[in-house]
All heavy atoms as atom14 arrays in JSON, in Angstrom:
{
  "sequence": "WQQLIEAVAEQCRTSVFRTLKTALPPGWLGQRKAGRSLGSRRQLWLEL",
  "atom14_mask": [
    [1, 1, 1, 1, 1, 1, 1, 1, 1, 1, 1, 1, 1, 1],
    [1, 1, 1, 1, 1, 1, 1, 1, 1, 0, 0, 0, 0, 0],
    [1, 1, 1, 1, 1, 1, 1, 1, 1, 0, 0, 0, 0, 0],
    [1, 1, 1, 1, 1, 1, 1, 1, 0, 0, 0, 0, 0, 0],
    [1, 1, 1, 1, 1, 1, 1, 1, 0, 0, 0, 0, 0, 0],
    [1, 1, 1, 1, 1, 1, 1, 1, 1, 0, 0, 0, 0, 0],
    [1, 1, 1, 1, 1, 0, 0, 0, 0, 0, 0, 0, 0, 0],
    [1, 1, 1, 1, 1, 1, 1, 0, 0, 0, 0, 0, 0, 0],
    [1, 1, 1, 1, 1, 0, 0, 0, 0, 0, 0, 0, 0, 0],
    [1, 1, 1, 1, 1, 1, 1, 1, 1, 0, 0, 0, 0, 0],
    [1, 1, 1, 1, 1, 1, 1, 1, 1, 0, 0, 0, 0, 0],
    [1, 1, 1, 1, 1, 1, 0, 0, 0, 0, 0, 0, 0, 0],
    [1, 1, 1, 1, 1, 1, 1, 1, 1, 1, 1, 0, 0, 0],
    [1, 1, 1, 1, 1, 1, 1, 0, 0, 0, 0, 0, 0, 0],
    [1, 1, 1, 1, 1, 1, 0, 0, 0, 0, 0, 0, 0, 0],
    [1, 1, 1, 1, 1, 1, 1, 0, 0, 0, 0, 0, 0, 0],
    [1, 1, 1, 1, 1, 1, 1, 1, 1, 1, 1, 0, 0, 0],
    [1, 1, 1, 1, 1, 1, 1, 1, 1, 1, 1, 0, 0, 0],
    [1, 1, 1, 1, 1, 1, 1, 0, 0, 0, 0, 0, 0, 0],
    [1, 1, 1, 1, 1, 1, 1, 1, 0, 0, 0, 0, 0, 0],
    [1, 1, 1, 1, 1, 1, 1, 1, 1, 0, 0, 0, 0, 0],
    [1, 1, 1, 1, 1, 1, 1, 0, 0, 0, 0, 0, 0, 0],
    [1, 1, 1, 1, 1, 0, 0, 0, 0, 0, 0, 0, 0, 0],
    [1, 1, 1, 1, 1, 1, 1, 1, 0, 0, 0, 0, 0, 0],
    [1, 1, 1, 1, 1, 1, 1, 0, 0, 0, 0, 0, 0, 0],
    [1, 1, 1, 1, 1, 1, 1, 0, 0, 0, 0, 0, 0, 0],
    [1, 1, 1, 1, 0, 0, 0, 0, 0, 0, 0, 0, 0, 0],
    [1, 1, 1, 1, 1, 1, 1, 1, 1, 1, 1, 1, 1, 1],
    [1, 1, 1, 1, 1, 1, 1, 1, 0, 0, 0, 0, 0, 0],
    [1, 1, 1, 1, 0, 0, 0, 0, 0, 0, 0, 0, 0, 0],
    [1, 1, 1, 1, 1, 1, 1, 1, 1, 0, 0, 0, 0, 0],
    [1, 1, 1, 1, 1, 1, 1, 1, 1, 1, 1, 0, 0, 0],
    [1, 1, 1, 1, 1, 1, 1, 1, 1, 0, 0, 0, 0, 0],
    [1, 1, 1, 1, 1, 0, 0, 0, 0, 0, 0, 0, 0, 0],
    [1, 1, 1, 1, 0, 0, 0, 0, 0, 0, 0, 0, 0, 0],
    [1, 1, 1, 1, 1, 1, 1, 1, 1, 1, 1, 0, 0, 0],
    [1, 1, 1, 1, 1, 1, 0, 0, 0, 0, 0, 0, 0, 0],
    [1, 1, 1, 1, 1, 1, 1, 1, 0, 0, 0, 0, 0, 0],
    [1, 1, 1, 1, 0, 0, 0, 0, 0, 0, 0, 0, 0, 0],
    [1, 1, 1, 1, 1, 1, 0, 0, 0, 0, 0, 0, 0, 0],
    [1, 1, 1, 1, 1, 1, 1, 1, 1, 1, 1, 0, 0, 0],
    [1, 1, 1, 1, 1, 1, 1, 1, 1, 1, 1, 0, 0, 0],
    [1, 1, 1, 1, 1, 1, 1, 1, 1, 0, 0, 0, 0, 0],
    [1, 1, 1, 1, 1, 1, 1, 1, 0, 0, 0, 0, 0, 0],
    [1, 1, 1, 1, 1, 1, 1, 1, 1, 1, 1, 1, 1, 1],
    [1, 1, 1, 1, 1, 1, 1, 1, 0, 0, 0, 0, 0, 0],
    [1, 1, 1, 1, 1, 1, 1, 1, 1, 0, 0, 0, 0, 0],
    [1, 1, 1, 1, 1, 1, 1, 1, 0, 0, 0, 0, 0, 0]
  ],
  "atom14_positions": [
    [[0.85, -1.2, 0.0], [0.0, 0.0, 0.0], [0.88, 1.25, 0.0], [0.56, 2.24, -0.63], [-0.92, -0.03, 1.22], [-1.96, 1.04, 1.22], [-3.12, 1.06, 0.5], [-1.94, 2.25, 1.98], [-3.83, 2.2, 0.77], [-3.13, 2.95, 1.67], [-1.05, 2.81, 2.89], [-3.44, 4.18, 2.24], [-1.36, 4.03, 3.45], [-2.55, 4.71, 3.13]],
    [[2.02, 1.18, 0.69], [2.93, 2.32, 0.72], [3.47, 2.63, -0.67], [3.65, 3.79, -1.03], [4.09, 2.05, 1.67], [5.07, 3.22, 1.78], [6.26, 2.89, 2.64], [6.09, 2.25, 3.68], [7.43, 3.3, 2.21], [0.0, 0.0, 0.0], [0.0, 0.0, 0.0], [0.0, 0.0, 0.0], [0.0, 0.0, 0.0], [0.0, 0.0, 0.0]],
    [[3.7, 1.59, -1.48], [4.18, 1.82, -2.85], [3.15, 2.6, -3.66], [3.52, 3.44, -4.49], [4.48, 0.48, -3.52], [5.72, -0.22, -2.97], [5.88, -1.63, -3.49], [5.14, -2.06, -4.4], [6.81, -2.38, -2.92], [0.0, 0.0, 0.0], [0.0, 0.0, 0.0], [0.0, 0.0, 0.0], [0.0, 0.0, 0.0], [0.0, 0.0, 0.0]],
    [[1.85, 2.34, -3.43], [0.81, 3.11, -4.1], [0.89, 4.58, -3.68], [0.82, 5.48, -4.53], [-0.57, 2.54, -3.75], [-1.77, 3.36, -4.22], [-1.93, 3.26, -5.73], [-3.06, 2.9, -3.52], [0.0, 0.0, 0.0], [0.0, 0.0, 0.0], [0.0, 0.0, 0.0], [0.0, 0.0, 0.0], [0.0, 0.0, 0.0], [0.0, 0.0, 0.0]],
    [[1.04, 4.83, -2.38], [1.12, 6.2, -1.88], [2.32, 6.92, -2.48], [2.23, 8.09, -2.89], [1.2, 6.2, -0.34], [-0.06, 5.57, 0.26], [1.4, 7.6, 0.21], [-1.35, 6.24, -0.14], [0.0, 0.0, 0.0], [0.0, 0.0, 0.0], [0.0, 0.0, 0.0], [0.0, 0.0, 0.0], [0.0, 0.0, 0.0], [0.0, 0.0, 0.0]],
    [[3.44, 6.24, -2.57], [4.64, 6.85, -3.13], [4.46, 7.16, -4.62], [4.91, 8.2, -5.11], [5.85, 5.93, -2.92], [6.26, 5.84, -1.45], [7.35, 4.8, -1.22], [7.6, 3.98, -2.14], [7.93, 4.81, -0.13], [0.0, 0.0, 0.0], [0.0, 0.0, 0.0], [0.0, 0.0, 0.0], [0.0, 0.0, 0.0], [0.0, 0.0, 0.0]],
    [[3.77, 6.27, -5.35], [3.54, 6.51, -6.78], [2.62, 7.71, -6.99], [2.85, 8.53, -7.89], [2.93, 5.26, -7.42], [0.0, 0.0, 0.0], [0.0, 0.0, 0.0], [0.0, 0.0, 0.0], [0.0, 0.0, 0.0], [0.0, 0.0, 0.0], [0.0, 0.0, 0.0], [0.0, 0.0, 0.0], [0.0, 0.0, 0.0], [0.0, 0.0, 0.0]],
    [[1.57, 7.82, -6.17], [0.66, 8.96, -6.28], [1.39, 10.25, -5.93], [1.23, 11.29, -6.59], [-0.58, 8.77, -5.37], [-1.44, 10.02, -5.36], [-1.4, 7.57, -5.84], [0.0, 0.0, 0.0], [0.0, 0.0, 0.0], [0.0, 0.0, 0.0], [0.0, 0.0, 0.0], [0.0, 0.0, 0.0], [0.0, 0.0, 0.0], [0.0, 0.0, 0.0]],
    [[2.21, 10.21, -4.89], [2.98, 11.39, -4.49], [3.9, 11.84, -5.62], [4.01, 13.05, -5.91], [3.79, 11.1, -3.23], [0.0, 0.0, 0.0], [0.0, 0.0, 0.0], [0.0, 0.0, 0.0], [0.0, 0.0, 0.0], [0.0, 0.0, 0.0], [0.0, 0.0, 0.0], [0.0, 0.0, 0.0], [0.0, 0.0, 0.0], [0.0, 0.0, 0.0]],
    [[4.53, 10.89, -6.29], [5.42, 11.23, -7.41], [4.63, 11.84, -8.57], [5.04, 12.84, -9.16], [6.16, 9.97, -7.87], [7.05, 10.16, -9.08], [8.22, 11.11, -8.85], [8.67, 11.23, -7.68], [8.68, 11.73, -9.82], [0.0, 0.0, 0.0], [0.0, 0.0, 0.0], [0.0, 0.0, 0.0], [0.0, 0.0, 0.0], [0.0, 0.0, 0.0]],
    [[3.49, 11.24, -8.91], [2.66, 11.76, -10.0], [2.2, 13.18, -9.71], [2.13, 14.02, -10.62], [1.44, 10.87, -10.21], [1.71, 9.59, -10.97], [0.42, 8.85, -11.3], [-0.68, 9.23, -10.88], [0.53, 7.77, -12.06], [0.0, 0.0, 0.0], [0.0, 0.0, 0.0], [0.0, 0.0, 0.0], [0.0, 0.0, 0.0], [0.0, 0.0, 0.0]],
    [[1.85, 13.45, -8.45], [1.27, 14.74, -8.08], [2.31, 15.73, -7.58], [1.96, 16.85, -7.18], [0.19, 14.54, -7.02], [-1.2, 13.54, -7.59], [0.0, 0.0, 0.0], [0.0, 0.0, 0.0], [0.0, 0.0, 0.0], [0.0, 0.0, 0.0], [0.0, 0.0, 0.0], [0.0, 0.0, 0.0], [0.0, 0.0, 0.0], [0.0, 0.0, 0.0]],
    [[3.59, 15.33, -7.59], [4.69, 16.21, -7.22], [4.58, 16.74, -5.79], [4.88, 17.9, -5.52], [4.81, 17.37, -8.21], [5.18, 16.96, -9.62], [6.55, 16.29, -9.63], [7.11, 16.15, -10.96], [7.01, 15.03, -11.7], [6.34, 13.99, -11.21], [7.56, 14.98, -12.88], [0.0, 0.0, 0.0], [0.0, 0.0, 0.0], [0.0, 0.0, 0.0]],
    [[4.12, 15.89, -4.89], [4.02, 16.3, -3.5], [4.69, 15.26, -2.62], [5.18, 14.24, -3.1], [2.55, 16.52, -3.09], [2.51, 17.15, -1.8], [1.78, 15.22, -3.03], [0.0, 0.0, 0.0], [0.0, 0.0, 0.0], [0.0, 0.0, 0.0], [0.0, 0.0, 0.0], [0.0, 0.0, 0.0], [0.0, 0.0, 0.0], [0.0, 0.0, 0.0]],
    [[4.71, 15.49, -1.32], [5.43, 14.61, -0.41], [4.63, 13.34, -0.11], [3.4, 13.32, -0.2], [5.74, 15.33, 0.9], [4.55, 15.56, 1.62], [0.0, 0.0, 0.0], [0.0, 0.0, 0.0], [0.0, 0.0, 0.0], [0.0, 0.0, 0.0], [0.0, 0.0, 0.0], [0.0, 0.0, 0.0], [0.0, 0.0, 0.0], [0.0, 0.0, 0.0]],
    [[5.36, 12.29, 0.29], [4.71, 11.04, 0.68], [3.84, 11.27, 1.91], [2.73, 10.74, 2.01], [5.77, 9.95, 0.96], [5.12, 8.7, 1.53], [6.53, 9.62, -0.31], [0.0, 0.0, 0.0], [0.0, 0.0, 0.0], [0.0, 0.0, 0.0], [0.0, 0.0, 0.0], [0.0, 0.0, 0.0], [0.0, 0.0, 0.0], [0.0, 0.0, 0.0]],
    [[4.3, 12.08, 2.85], [3.55, 12.3, 4.08], [2.24, 13.05, 3.81], [1.21, 12.74, 4.39], [4.4, 13.08, 5.09], [5.52, 12.28, 5.66], [6.79, 12.82, 5.8], [5.33, 10.96, 6.04], [7.83, 12.07, 6.32], [6.37, 10.19, 6.56], [7.62, 10.75, 6.7], [0.0, 0.0, 0.0], [0.0, 0.0, 0.0], [0.0, 0.0, 0.0]],
    [[2.28, 14.04, 2.92], [1.04, 14.76, 2.58], [0.06, 13.81, 1.91], [-1.15, 13.85, 2.17], [1.35, 15.95, 1.67], [0.13, 16.79, 1.33], [0.49, 17.85, 0.3], [1.14, 18.99, 0.91], [0.5, 20.1, 1.29], [-0.81, 20.18, 1.14], [1.14, 21.11, 1.8], [0.0, 0.0, 0.0], [0.0, 0.0, 0.0], [0.0, 0.0, 0.0]],
    [[0.55, 12.95, 1.02], [-0.32, 11.99, 0.34], [-0.87, 10.98, 1.33], [-2.05, 10.59, 1.27], [0.46, 11.28, -0.77], [1.09, 12.25, -1.61], [-0.45, 10.41, -1.62], [0.0, 0.0, 0.0], [0.0, 0.0, 0.0], [0.0, 0.0, 0.0], [0.0, 0.0, 0.0], [0.0, 0.0, 0.0], [0.0, 0.0, 0.0], [0.0, 0.0, 0.0]],
    [[-0.02, 10.54, 2.25], [-0.47, 9.6, 3.28], [-1.58, 10.21, 4.13], [-2.59, 9.55, 4.43], [0.71, 9.22, 4.17], [0.43, 8.27, 5.33], [0.14, 6.88, 4.82], [1.61, 8.24, 6.29], [0.0, 0.0, 0.0], [0.0, 0.0, 0.0], [0.0, 0.0, 0.0], [0.0, 0.0, 0.0], [0.0, 0.0, 0.0], [0.0, 0.0, 0.0]],
    [[-1.43, 11.46, 4.49], [-2.44, 12.15, 5.31], [-3.77, 12.22, 4.57], [-4.84, 12.06, 5.16], [-1.94, 13.56, 5.64], [-2.89, 14.39, 6.47], [-3.02, 13.86, 7.89], [-3.89, 14.8, 8.73], [-4.17, 14.23, 10.06], [0.0, 0.0, 0.0], [0.0, 0.0, 0.0], [0.0, 0.0, 0.0], [0.0, 0.0, 0.0], [0.0, 0.0, 0.0]],
    [[-3.72, 12.42, 3.24], [-4.94, 12.45, 2.42], [-5.58, 11.08, 2.35], [-6.81, 10.95, 2.39], [-4.6, 12.94, 1.0], [-4.13, 14.28, 1.07], [-5.81, 12.87, 0.08], [0.0, 0.0, 0.0], [0.0, 0.0, 0.0], [0.0, 0.0, 0.0], [0.0, 0.0, 0.0], [0.0, 0.0, 0.0], [0.0, 0.0, 0.0], [0.0, 0.0, 0.0]],
    [[-4.76, 10.05, 2.24], [-5.28, 8.7, 2.02], [-5.89, 8.09, 3.28], [-6.92, 7.42, 3.21], [-4.16, 7.79, 1.5], [0.0, 0.0, 0.0], [0.0, 0.0, 0.0], [0.0, 0.0, 0.0], [0.0, 0.0, 0.0], [0.0, 0.0, 0.0], [0.0, 0.0, 0.0], [0.0, 0.0, 0.0], [0.0, 0.0, 0.0], [0.0, 0.0, 0.0]],
    [[-5.26, 8.31, 4.43], [-5.77, 7.72, 5.67], [-7.07, 8.4, 6.1], [-7.31, 9.56, 5.77], [-4.72, 7.85, 6.78], [-3.47, 6.97, 6.63], [-2.46, 7.32, 7.7], [-3.83, 5.49, 6.7], [0.0, 0.0, 0.0], [0.0, 0.0, 0.0], [0.0, 0.0, 0.0], [0.0, 0.0, 0.0], [0.0, 0.0, 0.0], [0.0, 0.0, 0.0]],
    [[-7.9, 7.69, 6.85], [-9.17, 8.3, 7.29], [-8.94, 9.49, 8.21], [-7.98, 9.5, 8.99], [-9.88, 7.16, 8.03], [-8.8, 6.2, 8.39], [-7.76, 6.31, 7.34], [0.0, 0.0, 0.0], [0.0, 0.0, 0.0], [0.0, 0.0, 0.0], [0.0, 0.0, 0.0], [0.0, 0.0, 0.0], [0.0, 0.0, 0.0], [0.0, 0.0, 0.0]],
    [[-9.78, 10.52, 8.12], [-9.62, 11.7, 8.98], [-9.65, 11.31, 10.45], [-10.42, 10.45, 10.87], [-10.84, 12.56, 8.62], [-11.28, 12.09, 7.29], [-10.94, 10.63, 7.23], [0.0, 0.0, 0.0], [0.0, 0.0, 0.0], [0.0, 0.0, 0.0], [0.0, 0.0, 0.0], [0.0, 0.0, 0.0], [0.0, 0.0, 0.0], [0.0, 0.0, 0.0]],
    [[-8.78, 11.94, 11.23], [-8.77, 11.69, 12.66], [-7.91, 10.53, 13.09], [-7.75, 10.27, 14.29], [0.0, 0.0, 0.0], [0.0, 0.0, 0.0], [0.0, 0.0, 0.0], [0.0, 0.0, 0.0], [0.0, 0.0, 0.0], [0.0, 0.0, 0.0], [0.0, 0.0, 0.0], [0.0, 0.0, 0.0], [0.0, 0.0, 0.0], [0.0, 0.0, 0.0]],
    [[-7.31, 9.79, 12.11], [-6.49, 8.65, 12.5], [-5.07, 9.06, 12.8], [-4.41, 8.52, 13.66], [-6.53, 7.58, 11.41], [-6.48, 6.21, 12.01], [-6.48, 5.9, 13.34], [-6.42, 4.97, 11.33], [-6.43, 4.55, 13.52], [-6.4, 3.94, 12.3], [-6.4, 4.61, 9.99], [-6.36, 2.6, 11.97], [-6.37, 3.28, 9.66], [-6.34, 2.27, 10.64]],
    [[-4.55, 10.01, 12.04], [-3.23, 10.58, 12.31], [-3.42, 11.97, 12.88], [-4.35, 12.67, 12.53], [-2.42, 10.68, 11.02], [-1.58, 9.47, 10.61], [-0.87, 9.77, 9.31], [-0.58, 9.09, 11.68], [0.0, 0.0, 0.0], [0.0, 0.0, 0.0], [0.0, 0.0, 0.0], [0.0, 0.0, 0.0], [0.0, 0.0, 0.0], [0.0, 0.0, 0.0]],
    [[-2.51, 12.38, 13.74], [-2.56, 13.74, 14.27], [-2.93, 13.77, 15.73], [-2.88, 12.75, 16.44], [0.0, 0.0, 0.0], [0.0, 0.0, 0.0], [0.0, 0.0, 0.0], [0.0, 0.0, 0.0], [0.0, 0.0, 0.0], [0.0, 0.0, 0.0], [0.0, 0.0, 0.0], [0.0, 0.0, 0.0], [0.0, 0.0, 0.0], [0.0, 0.0, 0.0]],
    [[-3.3, 14.97, 16.19], [-3.58, 15.13, 17.62], [-4.79, 14.31, 18.02], [-5.81, 14.3, 17.34], [-3.81, 16.61, 17.95], [-3.91, 16.89, 19.43], [-3.85, 18.38, 19.73], [-3.22, 19.13, 19.0], [-4.51, 18.79, 20.79], [0.0, 0.0, 0.0], [0.0, 0.0, 0.0], [0.0, 0.0, 0.0], [0.0, 0.0, 0.0], [0.0, 0.0, 0.0]],
    [[-4.67, 13.61, 19.11], [-5.72, 12.69, 19.58], [-6.73, 13.47, 20.4], [-6.4, 14.1, 21.41], [-5.08, 11.6, 20.45], [-6.05, 10.54, 20.92], [-6.41, 9.61, 19.81], [-7.09, 8.43, 20.32], [-7.92, 7.71, 19.6], [-8.16, 8.05, 18.36], [-8.49, 6.65, 20.1], [0.0, 0.0, 0.0], [0.0, 0.0, 0.0], [0.0, 0.0, 0.0]],
    [[-7.97, 13.46, 19.97], [-9.02, 14.16, 20.71], [-9.47, 13.33, 21.9], [-9.51, 12.1, 21.84], [-10.21, 14.44, 19.79], [-9.87, 15.37, 18.63], [-11.06, 15.55, 17.72], [-10.71, 16.44, 16.54], [-11.84, 16.57, 15.59], [0.0, 0.0, 0.0], [0.0, 0.0, 0.0], [0.0, 0.0, 0.0], [0.0, 0.0, 0.0], [0.0, 0.0, 0.0]],
    [[-9.83, 14.04, 22.96], [-10.37, 13.34, 24.13], [-11.71, 12.72, 23.79], [-12.5, 13.28, 23.04], [-10.51, 14.3, 25.29], [0.0, 0.0, 0.0], [0.0, 0.0, 0.0], [0.0, 0.0, 0.0], [0.0, 0.0, 0.0], [0.0, 0.0, 0.0], [0.0, 0.0, 0.0], [0.0, 0.0, 0.0], [0.0, 0.0, 0.0], [0.0, 0.0, 0.0]],
    [[-11.96, 11.56, 24.32], [-13.24, 10.92, 24.05], [-13.15, 9.43, 24.28], [-12.09, 8.88, 24.58], [0.0, 0.0, 0.0], [0.0, 0.0, 0.0], [0.0, 0.0, 0.0], [0.0, 0.0, 0.0], [0.0, 0.0, 0.0], [0.0, 0.0, 0.0], [0.0, 0.0, 0.0], [0.0, 0.0, 0.0], [0.0, 0.0, 0.0], [0.0, 0.0, 0.0]],
    [[-14.25, 8.73, 24.11], [-14.27, 7.29, 24.33], [-13.55, 6.59, 23.2], [-13.58, 7.02, 22.07], [-15.72, 6.79, 24.41], [-16.42, 7.2, 25.68], [-17.74, 6.46, 25.79], [-18.68, 6.88, 24.77], [-19.63, 7.76, 24.96], [-19.78, 8.34, 26.12], [-20.47, 8.08, 24.0], [0.0, 0.0, 0.0], [0.0, 0.0, 0.0], [0.0, 0.0, 0.0]],
    [[-12.93, 5.52, 23.53], [-12.29, 4.69, 22.51], [-13.36, 3.89, 21.79], [-14.52, 3.81, 22.22], [-11.28, 3.74, 23.15], [-11.96, 2.79, 23.95], [0.0, 0.0, 0.0], [0.0, 0.0, 0.0], [0.0, 0.0, 0.0], [0.0, 0.0, 0.0], [0.0, 0.0, 0.0], [0.0, 0.0, 0.0], [0.0, 0.0, 0.0], [0.0, 0.0, 0.0]],
    [[-12.95, 3.26, 20.68], [-13.91, 2.49, 19.89], [-14.52, 1.36, 20.71], [-15.68, 1.02, 20.56], [-13.21, 1.91, 18.65], [-14.11, 1.24, 17.62], [-15.02, 2.28, 16.99], [-13.28, 0.55, 16.55], [0.0, 0.0, 0.0], [0.0, 0.0, 0.0], [0.0, 0.0, 0.0], [0.0, 0.0, 0.0], [0.0, 0.0, 0.0], [0.0, 0.0, 0.0]],
    [[-13.71, 0.83, 21.66], [-14.2, -0.29, 22.44], [-15.34, 0.09, 23.36], [-16.13, -0.74, 23.76], [0.0, 0.0, 0.0], [0.0, 0.0, 0.0], [0.0, 0.0, 0.0], [0.0, 0.0, 0.0], [0.0, 0.0, 0.0], [0.0, 0.0, 0.0], [0.0, 0.0, 0.0], [0.0, 0.0, 0.0], [0.0, 0.0, 0.0], [0.0, 0.0, 0.0]],
    [[-15.44, 1.39, 23.75], [-16.5, 1.81, 24.66], [-17.6, 2.57, 23.92], [-18.38, 3.28, 24.52], [-15.92, 2.7, 25.76], [-15.33, 3.86, 25.21], [0.0, 0.0, 0.0], [0.0, 0.0, 0.0], [0.0, 0.0, 0.0], [0.0, 0.0, 0.0], [0.0, 0.0, 0.0], [0.0, 0.0, 0.0], [0.0, 0.0, 0.0], [0.0, 0.0, 0.0]],
    [[-17.62, 2.43, 22.59], [-18.61, 3.14, 21.78], [-20.02, 2.67, 22.13], [-20.26, 1.48, 22.36], [-18.31, 2.87, 20.3], [-19.25, 3.54, 19.34], [-18.77, 3.23, 17.93], [-19.8, 3.48, 16.95], [-19.74, 3.07, 15.69], [-18.7, 2.39, 15.28], [-20.72, 3.33, 14.84], [0.0, 0.0, 0.0], [0.0, 0.0, 0.0], [0.0, 0.0, 0.0]],
    [[-20.95, 3.61, 22.18], [-22.33, 3.29, 22.51], [-23.25, 3.83, 21.42], [-22.89, 4.76, 20.69], [-22.72, 3.88, 23.88], [-21.84, 3.37, 25.02], [-22.23, 3.98, 26.34], [-23.5, 3.49, 26.85], [-23.66, 2.35, 27.52], [-22.61, 1.58, 27.77], [-24.83, 1.96, 27.96], [0.0, 0.0, 0.0], [0.0, 0.0, 0.0], [0.0, 0.0, 0.0]],
    [[-24.44, 3.22, 21.33], [-25.42, 3.67, 20.35], [-26.81, 3.65, 20.98], [-27.06, 2.91, 21.93], [-25.39, 2.76, 19.12], [-24.8, 3.48, 17.91], [-24.78, 2.6, 16.69], [-23.76, 2.03, 16.37], [-25.9, 2.49, 16.01], [0.0, 0.0, 0.0], [0.0, 0.0, 0.0], [0.0, 0.0, 0.0], [0.0, 0.0, 0.0], [0.0, 0.0, 0.0]],
    [[-27.68, 4.48, 20.39], [-29.05, 4.57, 20.91], [-29.89, 3.41, 20.37], [-29.81, 3.06, 19.19], [-29.66, 5.91, 20.53], [-28.96, 7.13, 21.15], [-29.58, 8.42, 20.65], [-29.02, 7.08, 22.68], [0.0, 0.0, 0.0], [0.0, 0.0, 0.0], [0.0, 0.0, 0.0], [0.0, 0.0, 0.0], [0.0, 0.0, 0.0], [0.0, 0.0, 0.0]],
    [[-30.74, 2.88, 21.24], [-31.56, 1.7, 20.95], [-33.02, 2.09, 21.13], [-33.4, 2.68, 22.13], [-31.17, 0.59, 21.93], [-31.89, -0.72, 21.8], [-33.02, -1.1, 22.45], [-31.51, -1.83, 20.99], [-33.37, -2.37, 22.11], [-32.46, -2.86, 21.2], [-30.46, -2.07, 20.11], [-32.39, -4.08, 20.56], [-30.4, -3.3, 19.47], [-31.35, -4.29, 19.69]],
    [[-33.86, 1.79, 20.14], [-35.29, 2.09, 20.21], [-36.08, 0.79, 20.39], [-35.76, -0.24, 19.78], [-35.76, 2.78, 18.94], [-35.23, 4.19, 18.65], [-35.83, 4.71, 17.35], [-35.53, 5.15, 19.79], [0.0, 0.0, 0.0], [0.0, 0.0, 0.0], [0.0, 0.0, 0.0], [0.0, 0.0, 0.0], [0.0, 0.0, 0.0], [0.0, 0.0, 0.0]],
    [[-37.13, 0.89, 21.22], [-38.03, -0.25, 21.41], [-39.47, 0.25, 21.45], [-39.74, 1.37, 21.92], [-37.73, -0.97, 22.73], [-36.44, -1.75, 22.74], [-36.3, -2.55, 24.02], [-36.87, -3.65, 24.1], [-35.62, -2.06, 24.94], [0.0, 0.0, 0.0], [0.0, 0.0, 0.0], [0.0, 0.0, 0.0], [0.0, 0.0, 0.0], [0.0, 0.0, 0.0]],
    [[-40.38, -0.58, 20.94], [-41.8, -0.27, 21.11], [-42.14, -0.31, 22.59], [-41.7, -1.2, 23.31], [-42.66, -1.27, 20.34], [-42.62, -1.15, 18.81], [-43.37, -2.3, 18.16], [-43.2, 0.19, 18.35], [0.0, 0.0, 0.0], [0.0, 0.0, 0.0], [0.0, 0.0, 0.0], [0.0, 0.0, 0.0], [0.0, 0.0, 0.0], [0.0, 0.0, 0.0]]
  ]
}
């Protein structure tokens, strides 16, 4: 997968890190926001 990122970076004349940041999902790299982890994720449940 890294070879793909490097090829795109070369085609677009930009850095591998900038391309990587674009490719990865938002919020995965960078400053970590406070909040629950995925393991403690909750959802609303409806019942009649």
